[in-house]
Amino acid sequence: MKQCLEKTINHYLALDPETGNRLLVLKDKIVTIELLGIHLTVQIIFTEKNIQLEWENFLKPDLMIRGTPLNFLHMSAARNQRKQFFAEDIVIEGNMELAQQVLAVFDDLEIDWEEYASRWVGDVPAYQAGRLSRKIKNFGKKIGQTFSYNLNEYLHEESNLFPAAEALQDFFQEIDELRLEVDRLEARIANLKEKL
């Protein structure tokens, strides 16, 4: 089972011809991933051409990443909000630049699924399937954006569960102004103490 997972990941990575260059940068680096809650730890050892998974007899890692499976799933789904996840849900110990390089191996994958499928079913069916897939993807993206907008609108405007963004900005601006006033008052008090 474990060898099958390693083989599957390496096969998936090999579908993008640029993966080799990304792996070369990570050669001999060791990343330990600890899945909290299910007590599962795995090490990824990067070689020149692929990755190796180690489930026991761990070596000293260059990078340690800890989080629950849900944290990792959420992080992979929301790539544009990764800084937030790294700050709150995912614990990283070690070289942050290495963490970015490891993420790039998976994030920057560009697999030409049409080309891959054409080997099995031919060019025309692969093209048609790719076209249909792009339409479905675009449709799903539009639905997701609309749902997100409507949910945001409802939570902030209709249900009053959360304040509107403008109200929050005003609140934070008032806090900043109050902080400045307090700083000025402290400076005046300190000035008066010196004169007395």
Protein backbone atom coordinates (compact mmCIF):
# COMPACT_ATOMS: atom_id res chain seq x y z
CA MET A 1 0.00 0.00 0.00
CA LYS A 2 2.74 2.48 1.01
CA GLN A 3 4.84 1.67 -2.06
CA CYS A 4 1.74 2.06 -4.21
CA LEU A 5 1.19 5.58 -2.82
CA GLU A 6 4.79 6.54 -3.53
CA LYS A 7 4.56 5.15 -7.07
CA THR A 8 1.27 6.99 -7.70
CA ILE A 9 2.66 10.33 -6.49
CA ASN A 10 5.79 9.94 -8.61
CA HIS A 11 3.72 8.99 -11.66
CA TYR A 12 1.52 12.04 -11.12
CA LEU A 13 4.55 14.34 -10.77
CA ALA A 14 6.11 12.86 -13.93
CA LEU A 15 3.13 14.02 -16.01
CA ASP A 16 4.61 17.53 -15.94
CA PRO A 17 7.98 17.68 -17.75
CA GLU A 18 9.10 20.62 -15.55
CA THR A 19 8.86 18.60 -12.33
CA GLY A 20 12.39 17.30 -12.82
CA ASN A 21 13.83 20.83 -12.55
CA ARG A 22 11.81 21.53 -9.41
CA LEU A 23 12.92 18.27 -7.80
CA LEU A 24 16.56 18.95 -8.65
CA VAL A 25 16.48 22.04 -6.41
CA LEU A 26 15.18 19.89 -3.54
CA LYS A 27 17.61 16.99 -4.02
CA ASP A 28 18.56 15.35 -0.68
CA LYS A 29 16.10 17.50 1.31
CA ILE A 30 13.97 15.73 3.90
CA VAL A 31 10.51 16.93 4.91
CA THR A 32 8.57 15.35 7.76
CA ILE A 33 4.79 15.66 7.69
CA GLU A 34 2.92 14.90 10.90
CA LEU A 35 -0.84 14.45 10.65
CA LEU A 36 -2.24 15.39 14.02
CA GLY A 37 -5.30 13.63 15.34
CA ILE A 38 -4.62 10.40 13.46
CA HIS A 39 -1.03 9.99 14.70
CA LEU A 40 0.48 9.47 11.27
CA THR A 41 3.96 10.67 10.34
CA VAL A 42 5.66 10.35 6.97
CA GLN A 43 8.93 11.64 5.62
CA ILE A 44 9.37 12.83 2.06
CA ILE A 45 12.89 12.41 0.78
CA PHE A 46 13.54 14.29 -2.46
CA THR A 47 15.87 12.67 -4.97
CA GLU A 48 17.07 13.88 -8.34
CA LYS A 49 14.10 12.45 -10.23
CA ASN A 50 11.34 11.60 -7.76
CA ILE A 51 10.32 11.42 -4.12
CA GLN A 52 10.63 8.61 -1.63
CA LEU A 53 8.25 8.12 1.28
CA GLU A 54 9.55 6.82 4.58
CA TRP A 55 7.09 5.63 7.22
CA GLU A 56 9.61 4.62 9.91
CA ASN A 57 13.34 4.92 10.67
CA PHE A 58 13.10 8.68 10.25
CA LEU A 59 16.10 10.83 9.44
CA LYS A 60 16.68 14.36 10.77
CA PRO A 61 14.38 16.57 8.67
CA ASP A 62 15.22 19.88 7.02
CA LEU A 63 11.59 20.87 7.44
CA MET A 64 8.78 19.74 9.75
CA ILE A 65 5.12 20.41 8.91
CA ARG A 66 2.34 19.61 11.40
CA GLY A 67 -1.41 19.87 11.07
CA THR A 68 -4.63 17.91 10.98
CA PRO A 69 -5.69 16.25 7.73
CA LEU A 70 -8.48 18.84 7.50
CA ASN A 71 -5.93 21.67 7.84
CA PHE A 72 -3.91 20.25 4.95
CA LEU A 73 -7.00 19.75 2.82
CA HIS A 74 -8.19 23.27 3.53
CA MET A 75 -4.74 24.68 2.75
CA SER A 76 -4.56 22.88 -0.59
CA ALA A 77 -8.03 24.12 -1.55
CA ALA A 78 -7.30 27.76 -0.69
CA ARG A 79 -3.88 28.42 -2.18
CA ASN A 80 -4.30 32.20 -2.21
CA GLN A 81 -4.73 32.25 1.59
CA ARG A 82 -1.75 30.11 2.54
CA LYS A 83 -0.11 32.75 4.74
CA GLN A 84 -3.16 32.63 6.98
CA PHE A 85 -2.99 28.83 7.27
CA PHE A 86 0.72 28.87 8.03
CA ALA A 87 0.07 31.42 10.76
CA GLU A 88 -2.86 29.64 12.39
CA ASP A 89 -3.52 26.03 11.42
CA ILE A 90 -0.32 24.57 10.02
CA VAL A 91 2.85 24.54 12.13
CA ILE A 92 6.11 24.75 10.20
CA GLU A 93 9.51 24.29 11.80
CA GLY A 94 12.60 24.87 9.72
CA ASN A 95 13.45 26.69 6.53
CA MET A 96 10.45 28.69 5.20
CA GLU A 97 12.10 29.06 1.79
CA LEU A 98 12.30 25.28 1.59
CA ALA A 99 8.60 25.12 2.51
CA GLN A 100 7.78 27.39 -0.44
CA GLN A 101 9.90 25.25 -2.78
CA VAL A 102 8.14 22.08 -1.61
CA LEU A 103 4.73 23.67 -2.21
CA ALA A 104 5.88 24.81 -5.67
CA VAL A 105 6.54 21.20 -6.69
CA PHE A 106 2.81 20.50 -6.35
CA ASP A 107 1.32 23.95 -7.00
CA ASP A 108 3.17 24.59 -10.26
CA LEU A 109 2.20 21.28 -11.84
CA GLU A 110 0.88 21.90 -15.32
CA ILE A 111 -0.40 18.66 -16.73
CA ASP A 112 -1.74 18.58 -20.25
CA TRP A 113 -4.58 16.17 -19.57
CA GLU A 114 -5.75 16.32 -23.18
CA GLU A 115 -2.35 15.19 -24.42
CA TYR A 116 -2.27 12.43 -21.84
CA ALA A 117 -5.82 11.27 -22.64
CA SER A 118 -5.17 11.39 -26.40
CA ARG A 119 -2.71 8.51 -26.01
CA TRP A 120 -5.57 6.32 -24.79
CA VAL A 121 -8.67 7.51 -26.63
CA GLY A 122 -7.34 9.52 -29.59
CA ASP A 123 -7.06 13.23 -30.34
CA VAL A 124 -10.67 14.13 -31.14
CA PRO A 125 -12.34 12.50 -28.09
CA ALA A 126 -9.57 13.89 -25.83
CA TYR A 127 -10.12 17.40 -27.23
CA GLN A 128 -13.89 17.15 -26.77
CA ALA A 129 -13.48 15.83 -23.21
CA GLY A 130 -11.01 18.64 -22.44
CA ARG A 131 -13.39 21.26 -23.82
CA LEU A 132 -16.26 19.87 -21.75
CA SER A 133 -14.03 19.74 -18.68
CA ARG A 134 -13.04 23.42 -19.10
CA LYS A 135 -16.70 24.43 -19.46
CA ILE A 136 -17.65 22.52 -16.31
CA LYS A 137 -14.68 24.02 -14.44
CA ASN A 138 -15.61 27.58 -15.49
CA PHE A 139 -19.25 26.97 -14.60
CA GLY A 140 -18.25 25.60 -11.18
CA LYS A 141 -15.96 28.59 -10.61
CA LYS A 142 -18.79 31.03 -11.41
CA ILE A 143 -21.18 29.17 -9.10
CA GLY A 144 -18.56 29.21 -6.34
CA GLN A 145 -17.97 32.95 -6.74
CA THR A 146 -21.70 33.68 -6.77
CA PHE A 147 -22.30 31.50 -3.72
CA SER A 148 -19.42 33.13 -1.85
CA TYR A 149 -20.67 36.62 -2.71
CA ASN A 150 -24.25 35.80 -1.70
CA LEU A 151 -23.17 34.13 1.55
CA ASN A 152 -20.94 37.08 2.40
CA GLU A 153 -23.77 39.49 1.61
CA TYR A 154 -26.22 37.53 3.75
CA LEU A 155 -23.88 37.20 6.76
CA HIS A 156 -22.90 40.87 6.75
CA GLU A 157 -26.05 42.64 5.59
CA GLU A 158 -29.11 40.43 6.19
CA SER A 159 -28.45 38.37 9.31
CA ASN A 160 -26.20 40.90 11.09
CA LEU A 161 -24.09 38.00 12.38
CA PHE A 162 -20.93 39.81 11.28
CA PRO A 163 -20.30 43.52 10.86
CA ALA A 164 -19.96 44.94 7.36
CA ALA A 165 -16.42 45.49 6.05
CA GLU A 166 -16.95 49.27 6.10
CA ALA A 167 -18.01 49.16 9.76
CA LEU A 168 -14.91 47.16 10.64
CA GLN A 169 -12.67 49.62 8.79
CA ASP A 170 -14.28 52.53 10.65
CA PHE A 171 -13.85 50.71 13.96
CA PHE A 172 -10.16 49.99 13.32
CA GLN A 173 -9.59 53.58 12.20
CA GLU A 174 -11.17 54.84 15.45
CA ILE A 175 -8.90 52.50 17.43
CA ASP A 176 -5.84 53.88 15.59
CA GLU A 177 -6.96 57.46 16.29
CA LEU A 178 -7.54 56.62 19.97
CA ARG A 179 -4.09 55.01 20.15
CA LEU A 180 -2.54 58.20 18.73
CA GLU A 181 -4.41 60.32 21.27
CA VAL A 182 -3.20 58.08 24.12
CA ASP A 183 0.39 58.33 22.84
CA ARG A 184 0.12 62.14 22.71
CA LEU A 185 -1.35 62.21 26.23
CA GLU A 186 1.47 60.01 27.55
CA ALA A 187 4.01 62.33 25.92
CA ARG A 188 2.37 65.38 27.57
CA ILE A 189 2.32 63.68 30.98
CA ALA A 190 5.99 62.74 30.62
CA ASN A 191 6.78 66.34 29.59
CA LEU A 192 4.90 67.72 32.64
CA LYS A 193 6.74 65.31 34.99
CA GLU A 194 10.08 66.57 33.67
CA LYS A 195 9.07 70.20 34.27
CA LEU A 196 7.92 69.45 37.85
